[in-house]
């Protein structure tokens, strides 16, 4: 099998749109800012503290808005 045949034999999966950014990306911080209306400092703190635990981030972000 040639290299071109080998590439054609592999199933190519279309990239699925992510509902949440991958951990470590600045996109995570932007996502928190956009969805919860927090400052960039607050969003960075949440992402740093809770990583990709989105349930916890959402919970804490809502409590920030209540204050």
N, C-alpha and C. Protein backbone atom coordinates (compact mmCIF):
# COMPACT_ATOMS: atom_id res chain seq x y z
N UNK A 1 0.85 -1.18 0.00
CA UNK A 1 0.00 0.00 0.00
C UNK A 1 0.89 1.24 0.00
N UNK A 2 0.61 2.15 -0.92
CA UNK A 2 1.41 3.36 -0.98
C UNK A 2 0.93 4.34 0.08
N UNK A 3 1.74 5.37 0.31
CA UNK A 3 1.37 6.37 1.32
C UNK A 3 0.06 7.06 0.98
N UNK A 4 -0.19 7.33 -0.29
CA UNK A 4 -1.45 7.98 -0.64
C UNK A 4 -2.63 7.06 -0.39
N UNK A 5 -2.46 5.74 -0.66
CA UNK A 5 -3.53 4.78 -0.38
C UNK A 5 -3.76 4.66 1.12
N UNK A 6 -2.67 4.68 1.88
CA UNK A 6 -2.77 4.56 3.33
C UNK A 6 -3.55 5.74 3.91
N UNK A 7 -3.29 6.95 3.42
CA UNK A 7 -4.00 8.13 3.88
C UNK A 7 -5.48 8.06 3.53
N UNK A 8 -5.79 7.53 2.36
CA UNK A 8 -7.17 7.42 1.94
C UNK A 8 -7.91 6.37 2.75
N UNK A 9 -7.19 5.35 3.23
CA UNK A 9 -7.81 4.27 3.99
C UNK A 9 -8.21 4.71 5.39
N UNK A 10 -7.52 5.70 5.92
CA UNK A 10 -7.85 6.19 7.26
C UNK A 10 -9.13 7.00 7.20
N UNK A 11 -10.00 6.76 8.17
CA UNK A 11 -11.24 7.53 8.23
C UNK A 11 -10.93 8.94 8.68
N UNK A 12 -11.39 9.90 7.95
CA UNK A 12 -11.18 11.29 8.29
C UNK A 12 -12.42 11.77 9.03
N UNK A 13 -12.23 12.16 10.27
CA UNK A 13 -13.35 12.65 11.07
C UNK A 13 -13.44 14.16 10.94
N UNK A 14 -14.62 14.66 10.66
CA UNK A 14 -14.75 16.11 10.64
C UNK A 14 -14.59 16.65 12.05
N UNK A 15 -13.99 17.82 12.16
CA UNK A 15 -13.80 18.41 13.48
C UNK A 15 -15.14 18.83 14.04
N UNK A 16 -15.42 18.35 15.23
CA UNK A 16 -16.67 18.68 15.89
C UNK A 16 -16.49 20.00 16.64
N UNK A 17 -17.46 20.86 16.55
CA UNK A 17 -17.40 22.12 17.29
C UNK A 17 -17.44 21.82 18.78
N UNK A 18 -16.54 22.42 19.52
CA UNK A 18 -16.49 22.19 20.96
C UNK A 18 -17.47 23.11 21.65
N UNK A 19 -18.15 22.55 22.64
CA UNK A 19 -19.04 23.39 23.41
C UNK A 19 -18.28 24.11 24.50
N UNK A 20 -17.16 23.56 24.91
CA UNK A 20 -16.31 24.17 25.93
C UNK A 20 -14.86 24.16 25.44
N UNK A 21 -14.10 25.19 25.75
CA UNK A 21 -12.69 25.23 25.34
C UNK A 21 -11.86 24.17 26.07
N UNK A 22 -10.77 23.78 25.49
CA UNK A 22 -9.86 22.82 26.11
C UNK A 22 -9.05 23.52 27.19
N UNK A 23 -8.77 22.79 28.27
CA UNK A 23 -8.02 23.34 29.40
C UNK A 23 -6.69 23.94 28.93
N UNK A 24 -6.35 25.07 29.50
CA UNK A 24 -5.07 25.70 29.19
C UNK A 24 -5.13 26.74 28.09
N UNK A 25 -6.26 26.85 27.45
CA UNK A 25 -6.37 27.83 26.37
C UNK A 25 -6.90 29.15 26.90
N UNK A 26 -6.46 30.21 26.28
CA UNK A 26 -7.02 31.53 26.63
C UNK A 26 -8.50 31.58 26.29
N UNK A 27 -8.91 30.70 25.40
CA UNK A 27 -10.32 30.65 25.03
C UNK A 27 -11.19 30.31 26.24
N UNK A 28 -10.66 29.55 27.17
CA UNK A 28 -11.41 29.24 28.39
C UNK A 28 -11.77 30.52 29.13
N UNK A 29 -10.79 31.37 29.28
CA UNK A 29 -11.00 32.63 29.99
C UNK A 29 -12.01 33.48 29.23
N UNK A 30 -11.86 33.57 27.91
CA UNK A 30 -12.81 34.34 27.11
C UNK A 30 -14.22 33.77 27.24
N UNK A 31 -14.32 32.45 27.28
CA UNK A 31 -15.62 31.79 27.43
C UNK A 31 -16.29 32.20 28.74
N UNK A 32 -15.53 32.19 29.83
CA UNK A 32 -16.07 32.57 31.13
C UNK A 32 -16.50 34.04 31.12
N UNK A 33 -15.67 34.89 30.53
CA UNK A 33 -15.99 36.32 30.45
C UNK A 33 -17.30 36.53 29.67
N UNK A 34 -17.40 35.86 28.52
CA UNK A 34 -18.58 36.05 27.67
C UNK A 34 -19.85 35.46 28.26
N UNK A 35 -19.75 34.30 28.89
CA UNK A 35 -20.96 33.65 29.38
C UNK A 35 -21.42 34.18 30.73
N UNK A 36 -20.49 34.71 31.53
CA UNK A 36 -20.85 35.15 32.87
C UNK A 36 -20.66 36.64 33.11
N UNK A 37 -20.06 37.36 32.15
CA UNK A 37 -19.90 38.80 32.30
C UNK A 37 -18.93 39.19 33.40
N UNK A 38 -17.93 38.35 33.65
CA UNK A 38 -16.94 38.65 34.69
C UNK A 38 -15.77 39.42 34.10
N UNK A 39 -14.96 39.99 34.96
CA UNK A 39 -13.74 40.65 34.50
C UNK A 39 -12.74 39.58 34.09
N UNK A 40 -11.74 39.99 33.32
CA UNK A 40 -10.72 39.02 32.89
C UNK A 40 -9.97 38.46 34.10
N UNK A 41 -9.73 39.28 35.11
CA UNK A 41 -9.02 38.80 36.31
C UNK A 41 -9.85 37.75 37.04
N UNK A 42 -11.15 37.98 37.16
CA UNK A 42 -12.02 37.01 37.82
C UNK A 42 -12.07 35.71 37.03
N UNK A 43 -12.20 35.82 35.71
CA UNK A 43 -12.27 34.63 34.86
C UNK A 43 -10.98 33.83 34.93
N UNK A 44 -9.83 34.51 34.88
CA UNK A 44 -8.54 33.81 34.97
C UNK A 44 -8.40 33.08 36.31
N UNK A 45 -8.84 33.73 37.37
CA UNK A 45 -8.77 33.10 38.69
C UNK A 45 -9.62 31.83 38.73
N UNK A 46 -10.81 31.88 38.18
CA UNK A 46 -11.66 30.69 38.17
C UNK A 46 -11.05 29.56 37.36
N UNK A 47 -10.53 29.89 36.19
CA UNK A 47 -9.91 28.86 35.34
C UNK A 47 -8.67 28.30 36.01
N UNK A 48 -7.87 29.16 36.64
CA UNK A 48 -6.67 28.70 37.34
C UNK A 48 -7.06 27.79 38.52
N UNK A 49 -8.05 28.20 39.26
CA UNK A 49 -8.43 27.48 40.47
C UNK A 49 -9.16 26.17 40.18
N UNK A 50 -10.07 26.17 39.19
CA UNK A 50 -10.93 25.01 38.98
C UNK A 50 -10.65 24.24 37.70
N UNK A 51 -9.67 24.69 36.91
CA UNK A 51 -9.32 23.96 35.70
C UNK A 51 -10.49 23.82 34.76
N UNK A 52 -10.84 22.59 34.40
CA UNK A 52 -11.95 22.38 33.48
C UNK A 52 -13.19 21.84 34.19
N UNK A 53 -13.31 22.11 35.48
CA UNK A 53 -14.52 21.74 36.23
C UNK A 53 -15.57 22.82 35.98
N UNK A 54 -16.24 22.72 34.83
CA UNK A 54 -17.15 23.78 34.39
C UNK A 54 -18.35 23.93 35.31
N UNK A 55 -18.76 22.86 35.93
CA UNK A 55 -19.88 22.97 36.86
C UNK A 55 -19.51 23.88 38.02
N UNK A 56 -18.32 23.70 38.56
CA UNK A 56 -17.84 24.53 39.67
C UNK A 56 -17.61 25.97 39.21
N UNK A 57 -17.03 26.15 38.03
CA UNK A 57 -16.79 27.49 37.51
C UNK A 57 -18.12 28.22 37.36
N UNK A 58 -19.12 27.56 36.79
CA UNK A 58 -20.44 28.19 36.63
C UNK A 58 -21.03 28.57 37.98
N UNK A 59 -20.92 27.68 38.94
CA UNK A 59 -21.46 27.93 40.28
C UNK A 59 -20.81 29.14 40.94
N UNK A 60 -19.49 29.19 40.90
CA UNK A 60 -18.76 30.28 41.54
C UNK A 60 -18.98 31.59 40.77
N UNK A 61 -19.02 31.52 39.44
CA UNK A 61 -19.23 32.73 38.63
C UNK A 61 -20.58 33.36 38.96
N UNK A 62 -21.59 32.54 39.16
CA UNK A 62 -22.90 33.07 39.53
C UNK A 62 -22.86 33.75 40.89
N UNK A 63 -22.07 33.20 41.80
CA UNK A 63 -21.97 33.83 43.13
C UNK A 63 -21.22 35.16 43.04
N UNK A 64 -20.27 35.30 42.10
CA UNK A 64 -19.58 36.57 41.89
C UNK A 64 -20.57 37.64 41.46
N UNK A 65 -21.48 37.27 40.59
CA UNK A 65 -22.45 38.22 40.05
C UNK A 65 -23.46 38.64 41.13
N UNK A 66 -23.70 37.80 42.12
CA UNK A 66 -24.65 38.11 43.19
C UNK A 66 -24.10 39.15 44.16
N UNK A 67 -22.79 39.33 44.16
CA UNK A 67 -22.17 40.26 45.13
C UNK A 67 -22.07 41.65 44.59
